[in-house]
Structure formats: structure tokens, C-alpha cells
Amino acid sequence: MARIAALCGFLYLACLVSPAHAGCRLSERCWWHAHHAIYHKENHIAFLEANPAVDDGYKGPVITRLHHKILRIRDAIGPRWPHWPVPCCYSRKPIYIR
């Protein structure tokens, strides 16, 4: 029994200190950093697309790579907000003003 408890404790500590949690103490902070990174990558894409001095042969692969990074980040952080079955503001009775 003591061995099983020690093994469970070790696995708990190993999962607690996993690289997935590195640099992200709070989930809101990680969400904020992820959206900040997406924002900067989208700005970089917009800059490359709008710059006529940059050759299309150079900016095409860079833009494609940035799009894939954005999709991976969005997939990792999940949806923006929870989806409720019935929207809150449409479930109220209508207000009539005389």
C-alpha cells in the first residue's frame, strides 16, 4: 500500500511539474499570452501582404508558416468562451414601452 501511495505521489508531482505548465501559472495568463502571440503574427502577415517591396517568393512561405502557427495556437487554447445551449439575452421576455 505504501508503494502504491508513493508511486501515485510521484506521478502527481511529475504531472504537476510537466513542461506543459512551464511559464503558465494561471490559465488566464496563458490565454492572454496566446492571444497576444496570435495578434502579433496576424500583424506580421498584414505587414508582409501590404509591403510591395518584398518579393512574393519570399513572403509566400513565411505567410503560410505564420498561418499554420496561428492555427496551432488557436487549437491549443481552445474556444474563446463557453458555448451555452440557450443564449442568455434571447431567453428574456420582450420589453414593451408605451
PDB file of N, CA and C in Angstrom:
ATOM      1  N   MET A   1       0.819  -1.189   0.000  1.00  0.00           N
ATOM      2  CA  MET A   1       0.000   0.000   0.000  1.00  0.00           C
ATOM      3  C   MET A   1       0.867   1.258   0.000  1.00  0.00           C
ATOM      4  N   ALA A   2       1.961   1.204   0.739  1.00  0.00           N
ATOM      5  CA  ALA A   2       2.855   2.361   0.808  1.00  0.00           C
ATOM      6  C   ALA A   2       3.522   2.596  -0.546  1.00  0.00           C
ATOM      7  N   ARG A   3       3.852   1.523  -1.250  1.00  0.00           N
ATOM      8  CA  ARG A   3       4.473   1.667  -2.575  1.00  0.00           C
ATOM      9  C   ARG A   3       3.496   2.314  -3.573  1.00  0.00           C
ATOM     10  N   ILE A   4       2.250   1.899  -3.519  1.00  0.00           N
ATOM     11  CA  ILE A   4       1.246   2.460  -4.422  1.00  0.00           C
ATOM     12  C   ILE A   4       1.040   3.944  -4.114  1.00  0.00           C
ATOM     13  N   ALA A   5       0.985   4.289  -2.835  1.00  0.00           N
ATOM     14  CA  ALA A   5       0.812   5.694  -2.452  1.00  0.00           C
ATOM     15  C   ALA A   5       2.023   6.512  -2.897  1.00  0.00           C
ATOM     16  N   ALA A   6       3.230   5.956  -2.746  1.00  0.00           N
ATOM     17  CA  ALA A   6       4.436   6.668  -3.171  1.00  0.00           C
ATOM     18  C   ALA A   6       4.455   6.824  -4.688  1.00  0.00           C
ATOM     19  N   LEU A   7       4.055   5.799  -5.407  1.00  0.00           N
ATOM     20  CA  LEU A   7       4.008   5.872  -6.869  1.00  0.00           C
ATOM     21  C   LEU A   7       2.982   6.910  -7.326  1.00  0.00           C
ATOM     22  N   CYS A   8       1.814   6.922  -6.701  1.00  0.00           N
ATOM     23  CA  CYS A   8       0.793   7.921  -7.050  1.00  0.00           C
ATOM     24  C   CYS A   8       1.278   9.337  -6.741  1.00  0.00           C
ATOM     25  N   GLY A   9       1.981   9.507  -5.630  1.00  0.00           N
ATOM     26  CA  GLY A   9       2.534  10.813  -5.284  1.00  0.00           C
ATOM     27  C   GLY A   9       3.577  11.254  -6.288  1.00  0.00           C
ATOM     28  N   PHE A  10       4.426  10.329  -6.721  1.00  0.00           N
ATOM     29  CA  PHE A  10       5.449  10.648  -7.713  1.00  0.00           C
ATOM     30  C   PHE A  10       4.818  11.032  -9.042  1.00  0.00           C
ATOM     31  N   LEU A  11       3.794  10.285  -9.485  1.00  0.00           N
ATOM     32  CA  LEU A  11       3.105  10.613 -10.728  1.00  0.00           C
ATOM     33  C   LEU A  11       2.400  11.964 -10.633  1.00  0.00           C
ATOM     34  N   TYR A  12       1.828  12.267  -9.475  1.00  0.00           N
ATOM     35  CA  TYR A  12       1.186  13.561  -9.290  1.00  0.00           C
ATOM     36  C   TYR A  12       2.206  14.695  -9.423  1.00  0.00           C
ATOM     37  N   LEU A  13       3.362  14.559  -8.788  1.00  0.00           N
ATOM     38  CA  LEU A  13       4.403  15.582  -8.894  1.00  0.00           C
ATOM     39  C   LEU A  13       4.949  15.684 -10.311  1.00  0.00           C
ATOM     40  N   ALA A  14       5.080  14.555 -10.995  1.00  0.00           N
ATOM     41  CA  ALA A  14       5.579  14.578 -12.366  1.00  0.00           C
ATOM     42  C   ALA A  14       4.605  15.307 -13.284  1.00  0.00           C
ATOM     43  N   CYS A  15       3.313  15.105 -13.081  1.00  0.00           N
ATOM     44  CA  CYS A  15       2.319  15.805 -13.902  1.00  0.00           C
ATOM     45  C   CYS A  15       2.214  17.273 -13.516  1.00  0.00           C
ATOM     46  N   LEU A  16       2.427  17.581 -12.241  1.00  0.00           N
ATOM     47  CA  LEU A  16       2.337  18.954 -11.773  1.00  0.00           C
ATOM     48  C   LEU A  16       3.459  19.814 -12.332  1.00  0.00           C
ATOM     49  N   VAL A  17       4.638  19.231 -12.520  1.00  0.00           N
ATOM     50  CA  VAL A  17       5.805  19.972 -12.978  1.00  0.00           C
ATOM     51  C   VAL A  17       6.097  19.644 -14.440  1.00  0.00           C
ATOM     52  N   SER A  18       5.090  19.297 -15.197  1.00  0.00           N
ATOM     53  CA  SER A  18       5.301  18.927 -16.592  1.00  0.00           C
ATOM     54  C   SER A  18       5.631  20.158 -17.433  1.00  0.00           C
ATOM     55  N   PRO A  19       6.279  19.961 -18.585  1.00  0.00           N
ATOM     56  CA  PRO A  19       6.608  21.088 -19.458  1.00  0.00           C
ATOM     57  C   PRO A  19       5.375  21.803 -20.007  1.00  0.00           C
ATOM     58  N   ALA A  20       4.228  21.145 -19.967  1.00  0.00           N
ATOM     59  CA  ALA A  20       3.013  21.797 -20.452  1.00  0.00           C
ATOM     60  C   ALA A  20       2.633  22.987 -19.577  1.00  0.00           C
ATOM     61  N   HIS A  21       3.016  22.959 -18.311  1.00  0.00           N
ATOM     62  CA  HIS A  21       2.705  24.046 -17.399  1.00  0.00           C
ATOM     63  C   HIS A  21       3.845  25.057 -17.288  1.00  0.00           C
ATOM     64  N   ALA A  22       4.922  24.865 -17.988  1.00  0.00           N
ATOM     65  CA  ALA A  22       6.074  25.753 -17.862  1.00  0.00           C
ATOM     66  C   ALA A  22       5.726  27.155 -18.345  1.00  0.00           C
ATOM     67  N   GLY A  23       5.966  28.137 -17.529  1.00  0.00           N
ATOM     68  CA  GLY A  23       5.730  29.518 -17.890  1.00  0.00           C
ATOM     69  C   GLY A  23       4.294  29.970 -17.747  1.00  0.00           C
ATOM     70  N   CYS A  24       3.379  29.066 -17.415  1.00  0.00           N
ATOM     71  CA  CYS A  24       1.968  29.429 -17.284  1.00  0.00           C
ATOM     72  C   CYS A  24       1.465  29.001 -15.922  1.00  0.00           C
ATOM     73  N   ARG A  25       1.446  29.927 -15.009  1.00  0.00           N
ATOM     74  CA  ARG A  25       0.962  29.612 -13.671  1.00  0.00           C
ATOM     75  C   ARG A  25      -0.565  29.673 -13.615  1.00  0.00           C
ATOM     76  N   LEU A  26      -1.135  30.632 -14.297  1.00  0.00           N
ATOM     77  CA  LEU A  26      -2.585  30.786 -14.315  1.00  0.00           C
ATOM     78  C   LEU A  26      -3.106  30.572 -15.724  1.00  0.00           C
ATOM     79  N   SER A  27      -4.252  29.967 -15.848  1.00  0.00           N
ATOM     80  CA  SER A  27      -4.787  29.685 -17.179  1.00  0.00           C
ATOM     81  C   SER A  27      -5.146  30.972 -17.923  1.00  0.00           C
ATOM     82  N   GLU A  28      -5.621  32.007 -17.205  1.00  0.00           N
ATOM     83  CA  GLU A  28      -5.957  33.268 -17.870  1.00  0.00           C
ATOM     84  C   GLU A  28      -4.710  33.915 -18.455  1.00  0.00           C
ATOM     85  N   ARG A  29      -3.612  33.799 -17.738  1.00  0.00           N
ATOM     86  CA  ARG A  29      -2.357  34.388 -18.210  1.00  0.00           C
ATOM     87  C   ARG A  29      -1.889  33.688 -19.480  1.00  0.00           C
ATOM     88  N   CYS A  30      -1.987  32.371 -19.523  1.00  0.00           N
ATOM     89  CA  CYS A  30      -1.602  31.627 -20.724  1.00  0.00           C
ATOM     90  C   CYS A  30      -2.504  31.994 -21.891  1.00  0.00           C
ATOM     91  N   TRP A  31      -3.803  32.133 -21.617  1.00  0.00           N
ATOM     92  CA  TRP A  31      -4.737  32.522 -22.664  1.00  0.00           C
ATOM     93  C   TRP A  31      -4.376  33.894 -23.203  1.00  0.00           C
ATOM     94  N   TRP A  32      -4.013  34.822 -22.307  1.00  0.00           N
ATOM     95  CA  TRP A  32      -3.647  36.170 -22.724  1.00  0.00           C
ATOM     96  C   TRP A  32      -2.380  36.154 -23.577  1.00  0.00           C
ATOM     97  N   HIS A  33      -1.370  35.390 -23.162  1.00  0.00           N
ATOM     98  CA  HIS A  33      -0.122  35.311 -23.928  1.00  0.00           C
ATOM     99  C   HIS A  33      -0.361  34.688 -25.304  1.00  0.00           C
ATOM    100  N   ALA A  34      -1.208  33.690 -25.370  1.00  0.00           N
ATOM    101  CA  ALA A  34      -1.504  33.046 -26.652  1.00  0.00           C
ATOM    102  C   ALA A  34      -2.188  34.032 -27.598  1.00  0.00           C
ATOM    103  N   HIS A  35      -3.141  34.783 -27.110  1.00  0.00           N
ATOM    104  CA  HIS A  35      -3.824  35.752 -27.969  1.00  0.00           C
ATOM    105  C   HIS A  35      -2.909  36.914 -28.338  1.00  0.00           C
ATOM    106  N   HIS A  36      -2.001  37.262 -27.462  1.00  0.00           N
ATOM    107  CA  HIS A  36      -1.011  38.285 -27.781  1.00  0.00           C
ATOM    108  C   HIS A  36      -0.103  37.799 -28.917  1.00  0.00           C
ATOM    109  N   ALA A  37       0.307  36.541 -28.870  1.00  0.00           N
ATOM    110  CA  ALA A  37       1.142  35.976 -29.936  1.00  0.00           C
ATOM    111  C   ALA A  37       0.379  35.914 -31.258  1.00  0.00           C
ATOM    112  N   ILE A  38      -0.898  35.516 -31.206  1.00  0.00           N
ATOM    113  CA  ILE A  38      -1.724  35.481 -32.422  1.00  0.00           C
ATOM    114  C   ILE A  38      -1.841  36.877 -33.017  1.00  0.00           C
ATOM    115  N   TYR A  39      -2.057  37.872 -32.172  1.00  0.00           N
ATOM    116  CA  TYR A  39      -2.190  39.257 -32.632  1.00  0.00           C
ATOM    117  C   TYR A  39      -0.925  39.707 -33.367  1.00  0.00           C
ATOM    118  N   HIS A  40       0.241  39.414 -32.799  1.00  0.00           N
ATOM    119  CA  HIS A  40       1.490  39.828 -33.439  1.00  0.00           C
ATOM    120  C   HIS A  40       1.749  39.070 -34.738  1.00  0.00           C
ATOM    121  N   LYS A  41       1.403  37.806 -34.784  1.00  0.00           N
ATOM    122  CA  LYS A  41       1.585  37.042 -36.014  1.00  0.00           C
ATOM    123  C   LYS A  41       0.654  37.548 -37.119  1.00  0.00           C
ATOM    124  N   GLU A  42      -0.588  37.886 -36.767  1.00  0.00           N
ATOM    125  CA  GLU A  42      -1.505  38.432 -37.762  1.00  0.00           C
ATOM    126  C   GLU A  42      -1.037  39.805 -38.250  1.00  0.00           C
ATOM    127  N   ASN A  43      -0.467  40.615 -37.362  1.00  0.00           N
ATOM    128  CA  ASN A  43       0.086  41.899 -37.790  1.00  0.00           C
ATOM    129  C   ASN A  43       1.281  41.702 -38.726  1.00  0.00           C
ATOM    130  N   HIS A  44       2.097  40.700 -38.446  1.00  0.00           N
ATOM    131  CA  HIS A  44       3.245  40.405 -39.316  1.00  0.00           C
ATOM    132  C   HIS A  44       2.759  39.975 -40.701  1.00  0.00           C
ATOM    133  N   ILE A  45       1.714  39.163 -40.741  1.00  0.00           N
ATOM    134  CA  ILE A  45       1.141  38.737 -42.021  1.00  0.00           C
ATOM    135  C   ILE A  45       0.600  39.944 -42.786  1.00  0.00           C
ATOM    136  N   ALA A  46      -0.116  40.828 -42.096  1.00  0.00           N
ATOM    137  CA  ALA A  46      -0.672  42.014 -42.752  1.00  0.00           C
ATOM    138  C   ALA A  46       0.440  42.910 -43.280  1.00  0.00           C
ATOM    139  N   PHE A  47       1.523  43.057 -42.526  1.00  0.00           N
ATOM    140  CA  PHE A  47       2.649  43.868 -42.982  1.00  0.00           C
ATOM    141  C   PHE A  47       3.286  43.276 -44.229  1.00  0.00           C
ATOM    142  N   LEU A  48       3.485  41.958 -44.240  1.00  0.00           N
ATOM    143  CA  LEU A  48       4.090  41.321 -45.413  1.00  0.00           C
ATOM    144  C   LEU A  48       3.185  41.423 -46.636  1.00  0.00           C
ATOM    145  N   GLU A  49       1.877  41.248 -46.440  1.00  0.00           N
ATOM    146  CA  GLU A  49       0.954  41.322 -47.573  1.00  0.00           C
ATOM    147  C   GLU A  49       0.863  42.737 -48.134  1.00  0.00           C
ATOM    148  N   ALA A  50       1.014  43.749 -47.291  1.00  0.00           N
ATOM    149  CA  ALA A  50       0.872  45.127 -47.744  1.00  0.00           C
ATOM    150  C   ALA A  50       2.174  45.726 -48.273  1.00  0.00           C
ATOM    151  N   ASN A  51       3.296  45.077 -48.049  1.00  0.00           N
ATOM    152  CA  ASN A  51       4.590  45.630 -48.446  1.00  0.00           C
ATOM    153  C   ASN A  51       4.907  45.221 -49.889  1.00  0.00           C
ATOM    154  N   PRO A  52       4.882  46.167 -50.844  1.00  0.00           N
ATOM    155  CA  PRO A  52       5.172  45.810 -52.234  1.00  0.00           C
ATOM    156  C   PRO A  52       6.662  45.601 -52.499  1.00  0.00           C
ATOM    157  N   ALA A  53       7.511  46.038 -51.579  1.00  0.00           N
ATOM    158  CA  ALA A  53       8.954  45.908 -51.784  1.00  0.00           C
ATOM    159  C   ALA A  53       9.451  44.486 -51.528  1.00  0.00           C
ATOM    160  N   VAL A  54       8.653  43.674 -50.853  1.00  0.00           N
ATOM    161  CA  VAL A  54       9.048  42.302 -50.539  1.00  0.00           C
ATOM    162  C   VAL A  54       8.575  41.389 -51.663  1.00  0.00           C
ATOM    163  N   ASP A  55       9.463  40.530 -52.109  1.00  0.00           N
ATOM    164  CA  ASP A  55       9.168  39.608 -53.206  1.00  0.00           C
ATOM    165  C   ASP A  55       8.140  38.563 -52.774  1.00  0.00           C
ATOM    166  N   ASP A  56       7.219  38.218 -53.687  1.00  0.00           N
ATOM    167  CA  ASP A  56       6.192  37.214 -53.384  1.00  0.00           C
ATOM    168  C   ASP A  56       6.805  35.840 -53.122  1.00  0.00           C
ATOM    169  N   GLY A  57       7.924  35.550 -53.727  1.00  0.00           N
ATOM    170  CA  GLY A  57       8.580  34.266 -53.495  1.00  0.00           C
ATOM    171  C   GLY A  57       9.120  34.138 -52.082  1.00  0.00           C
ATOM    172  N   TYR A  58       9.406  35.272 -51.456  1.00  0.00           N
ATOM    173  CA  TYR A  58       9.891  35.250 -50.072  1.00  0.00           C
ATOM    174  C   TYR A  58       8.727  35.245 -49.091  1.00  0.00           C
ATOM    175  N   LYS A  59       7.738  36.142 -49.322  1.00  0.00           N
ATOM    176  CA  LYS A  59       6.691  36.290 -48.317  1.00  0.00           C
ATOM    177  C   LYS A  59       5.630  35.200 -48.371  1.00  0.00           C
ATOM    178  N   GLY A  60       5.494  34.485 -49.465  1.00  0.00           N
ATOM    179  CA  GLY A  60       4.507  33.410 -49.551  1.00  0.00           C
ATOM    180  C   GLY A  60       4.724  32.311 -48.521  1.00  0.00           C
ATOM    181  N   PRO A  61       5.930  31.702 -48.468  1.00  0.00           N
ATOM    182  CA  PRO A  61       6.161  30.653 -47.462  1.00  0.00           C
ATOM    183  C   PRO A  61       6.112  31.177 -46.026  1.00  0.00           C
ATOM    184  N   VAL A  62       6.548  32.419 -45.816  1.00  0.00           N
ATOM    185  CA  VAL A  62       6.522  32.988 -44.468  1.00  0.00           C
ATOM    186  C   VAL A  62       5.075  33.165 -44.005  1.00  0.00           C
ATOM    187  N   ILE A  63       4.219  33.673 -44.884  1.00  0.00           N
ATOM    188  CA  ILE A  63       2.809  33.863 -44.537  1.00  0.00           C
ATOM    189  C   ILE A  63       2.136  32.524 -44.277  1.00  0.00           C
ATOM    190  N   THR A  64       2.436  31.535 -45.102  1.00  0.00           N
ATOM    191  CA  THR A  64       1.859  30.201 -44.892  1.00  0.00           C
ATOM    192  C   THR A  64       2.291  29.616 -43.550  1.00  0.00           C
ATOM    193  N   ARG A  65       3.560  29.766 -43.214  1.00  0.00           N
ATOM    194  CA  ARG A  65       4.077  29.259 -41.936  1.00  0.00           C
ATOM    195  C   ARG A  65       3.413  29.975 -40.763  1.00  0.00           C
ATOM    196  N   LEU A  66       3.244  31.294 -40.877  1.00  0.00           N
ATOM    197  CA  LEU A  66       2.594  32.044 -39.804  1.00  0.00           C
ATOM    198  C   LEU A  66       1.124  31.639 -39.645  1.00  0.00           C
ATOM    199  N   HIS A  67       0.430  31.380 -40.767  1.00  0.00           N
ATOM    200  CA  HIS A  67      -0.957  30.907 -40.682  1.00  0.00           C
ATOM    201  C   HIS A  67      -1.035  29.571 -39.948  1.00  0.00           C
ATOM    202  N   HIS A  68      -0.110  28.666 -40.243  1.00  0.00           N
ATOM    203  CA  HIS A  68      -0.108  27.364 -39.567  1.00  0.00           C
ATOM    204  C   HIS A  68       0.190  27.514 -38.076  1.00  0.00           C
ATOM    205  N   LYS A  69       1.086  28.429 -37.708  1.00  0.00           N
ATOM    206  CA  LYS A  69       1.371  28.654 -36.296  1.00  0.00           C
ATOM    207  C   LYS A  69       0.149  29.208 -35.577  1.00  0.00           C
ATOM    208  N   ILE A  70      -0.559  30.125 -36.220  1.00  0.00           N
ATOM    209  CA  ILE A  70      -1.765  30.695 -35.617  1.00  0.00           C
ATOM    210  C   ILE A  70      -2.819  29.613 -35.407  1.00  0.00           C
ATOM    211  N   LEU A  71      -2.994  28.741 -36.398  1.00  0.00           N
ATOM    212  CA  LEU A  71      -3.975  27.662 -36.255  1.00  0.00           C
ATOM    213  C   LEU A  71      -3.601  26.701 -35.136  1.00  0.00           C
ATOM    214  N   ARG A  72      -2.299  26.405 -34.997  1.00  0.00           N
ATOM    215  CA  ARG A  72      -1.867  25.519 -33.905  1.00  0.00           C
ATOM    216  C   ARG A  72      -2.100  26.159 -32.541  1.00  0.00           C
ATOM    217  N   ILE A  73      -1.825  27.462 -32.427  1.00  0.00           N
ATOM    218  CA  ILE A  73      -2.048  28.148 -31.148  1.00  0.00           C
ATOM    219  C   ILE A  73      -3.530  28.172 -30.818  1.00  0.00           C
ATOM    220  N   ARG A  74      -4.376  28.497 -31.798  1.00  0.00           N
ATOM    221  CA  ARG A  74      -5.823  28.526 -31.555  1.00  0.00           C
ATOM    222  C   ARG A  74      -6.358  27.160 -31.183  1.00  0.00           C
ATOM    223  N   ASP A  75      -5.808  26.119 -31.798  1.00  0.00           N
ATOM    224  CA  ASP A  75      -6.232  24.763 -31.470  1.00  0.00           C
ATOM    225  C   ASP A  75      -5.796  24.389 -30.056  1.00  0.00           C
ATOM    226  N   ALA A  76      -4.638  24.874 -29.636  1.00  0.00           N
ATOM    227  CA  ALA A  76      -4.131  24.538 -28.305  1.00  0.00           C
ATOM    228  C   ALA A  76      -4.906  25.235 -27.196  1.00  0.00           C
ATOM    229  N   ILE A  77      -5.343  26.478 -27.412  1.00  0.00           N
ATOM    230  CA  ILE A  77      -6.018  27.199 -26.335  1.00  0.00           C
ATOM    231  C   ILE A  77      -7.511  26.929 -26.296  1.00  0.00           C
ATOM    232  N   GLY A  78      -8.079  26.391 -27.356  1.00  0.00           N
ATOM    233  CA  GLY A  78      -9.491  26.039 -27.346  1.00  0.00           C
ATOM    234  C   GLY A  78     -10.391  27.203 -27.704  1.00  0.00           C
ATOM    235  N   PRO A  79     -11.691  27.038 -27.486  1.00  0.00           N
ATOM    236  CA  PRO A  79     -12.644  28.094 -27.859  1.00  0.00           C
ATOM    237  C   PRO A  79     -12.482  29.331 -26.984  1.00  0.00           C
ATOM    238  N   ARG A  80     -12.968  30.450 -27.480  1.00  0.00           N
ATOM    239  CA  ARG A  80     -12.847  31.714 -26.771  1.00  0.00           C
ATOM    240  C   ARG A  80     -13.653  31.732 -25.487  1.00  0.00           C
ATOM    241  N   TRP A  81     -14.876  31.332 -25.521  1.00  0.00           N
ATOM    242  CA  TRP A  81     -15.742  31.327 -24.358  1.00  0.00           C
ATOM    243  C   TRP A  81     -16.626  30.098 -24.430  1.00  0.00           C
ATOM    244  N   PRO A  82     -17.196  29.713 -23.312  1.00  0.00           N
ATOM    245  CA  PRO A  82     -18.054  28.523 -23.340  1.00  0.00           C
ATOM    246  C   PRO A  82     -19.317  28.785 -24.155  1.00  0.00           C
ATOM    247  N   HIS A  83     -19.785  27.755 -24.778  1.00  0.00           N
ATOM    248  CA  HIS A  83     -20.988  27.863 -25.597  1.00  0.00           C
ATOM    249  C   HIS A  83     -22.166  27.311 -24.800  1.00  0.00           C
ATOM    250  N   TRP A  84     -23.157  28.165 -24.555  1.00  0.00           N
ATOM    251  CA  TRP A  84     -24.332  27.753 -23.809  1.00  0.00           C
ATOM    252  C   TRP A  84     -25.412  27.286 -24.777  1.00  0.00           C
ATOM    253  N   PRO A  85     -26.260  26.360 -24.352  1.00  0.00           N
ATOM    254  CA  PRO A  85     -27.298  25.876 -25.266  1.00  0.00           C
ATOM    255  C   PRO A  85     -28.316  26.954 -25.624  1.00  0.00           C
ATOM    256  N   VAL A  86     -28.653  27.846 -24.688  1.00  0.00           N
ATOM    257  CA  VAL A  86     -29.608  28.921 -24.948  1.00  0.00           C
ATOM    258  C   VAL A  86     -28.916  30.241 -24.617  1.00  0.00           C
ATOM    259  N   PRO A  87     -28.849  31.151 -25.552  1.00  0.00           N
ATOM    260  CA  PRO A  87     -28.225  32.436 -25.240  1.00  0.00           C
ATOM    261  C   PRO A  87     -28.982  33.169 -24.144  1.00  0.00           C
ATOM    262  N   CYS A  88     -28.270  33.848 -23.291  1.00  0.00           N
ATOM    263  CA  CYS A  88     -28.899  34.482 -22.127  1.00  0.00           C
ATOM    264  C   CYS A  88     -29.793  35.644 -22.511  1.00  0.00           C
ATOM    265  N   CYS A  89     -29.383  36.456 -23.447  1.00  0.00           N
ATOM    266  CA  CYS A  89     -30.140  37.669 -23.734  1.00  0.00           C
ATOM    267  C   CYS A  89     -31.389  37.398 -24.567  1.00  0.00           C
ATOM    268  N   TYR A  90     -31.503  36.279 -25.251  1.00  0.00           N
ATOM    269  CA  TYR A  90     -32.677  35.984 -26.052  1.00  0.00           C
ATOM    270  C   TYR A  90     -33.729  35.197 -25.281  1.00  0.00           C
ATOM    271  N   SER A  91     -33.408  34.756 -24.089  1.00  0.00           N
ATOM    272  CA  SER A  91     -34.364  33.968 -23.320  1.00  0.00           C
ATOM    273  C   SER A  91     -35.293  34.850 -22.485  1.00  0.00           C
ATOM    274  N   ARG A  92     -35.047  36.160 -22.435  1.00  0.00           N
ATOM    275  CA  ARG A  92     -35.906  37.061 -21.667  1.00  0.00           C
ATOM    276  C   ARG A  92     -37.195  37.370 -22.434  1.00  0.00           C
ATOM    277  N   LYS A  93     -38.188  37.803 -21.691  1.00  0.00           N
ATOM    278  CA  LYS A  93     -39.410  38.259 -22.325  1.00  0.00           C
ATOM    279  C   LYS A  93     -39.142  39.634 -22.941  1.00  0.00           C
ATOM    280  N   PRO A  94     -39.777  39.955 -24.057  1.00  0.00           N
ATOM    281  CA  PRO A  94     -39.555  41.269 -24.653  1.00  0.00           C
ATOM    282  C   PRO A  94     -40.104  42.381 -23.779  1.00  0.00           C
ATOM    283  N   ILE A  95     -39.477  43.540 -23.835  1.00  0.00           N
ATOM    284  CA  ILE A  95     -39.909  44.713 -23.066  1.00  0.00           C
ATOM    285  C   ILE A  95     -40.693  45.612 -24.016  1.00  0.00           C
ATOM    286  N   TYR A  96     -41.922  45.967 -23.601  1.00  0.00           N
ATOM    287  CA  TYR A  96     -42.771  46.840 -24.414  1.00  0.00           C
ATOM    288  C   TYR A  96     -42.832  48.204 -23.738  1.00  0.00           C
ATOM    289  N   ILE A  97     -42.569  49.253 -24.505  1.00  0.00           N
ATOM    290  CA  ILE A  97     -42.620  50.612 -23.988  1.00  0.00           C
ATOM    291  C   ILE A  97     -43.854  51.306 -24.569  1.00  0.00           C
ATOM    292  N   ARG A  98     -44.648  51.933 -23.714  1.00  0.00           N
ATOM    293  CA  ARG A  98     -45.859  52.615 -24.162  1.00  0.00           C
ATOM    294  C   ARG A  98     -45.578  54.002 -24.603  1.00  0.00           C
TER     295      ARG A  98
END
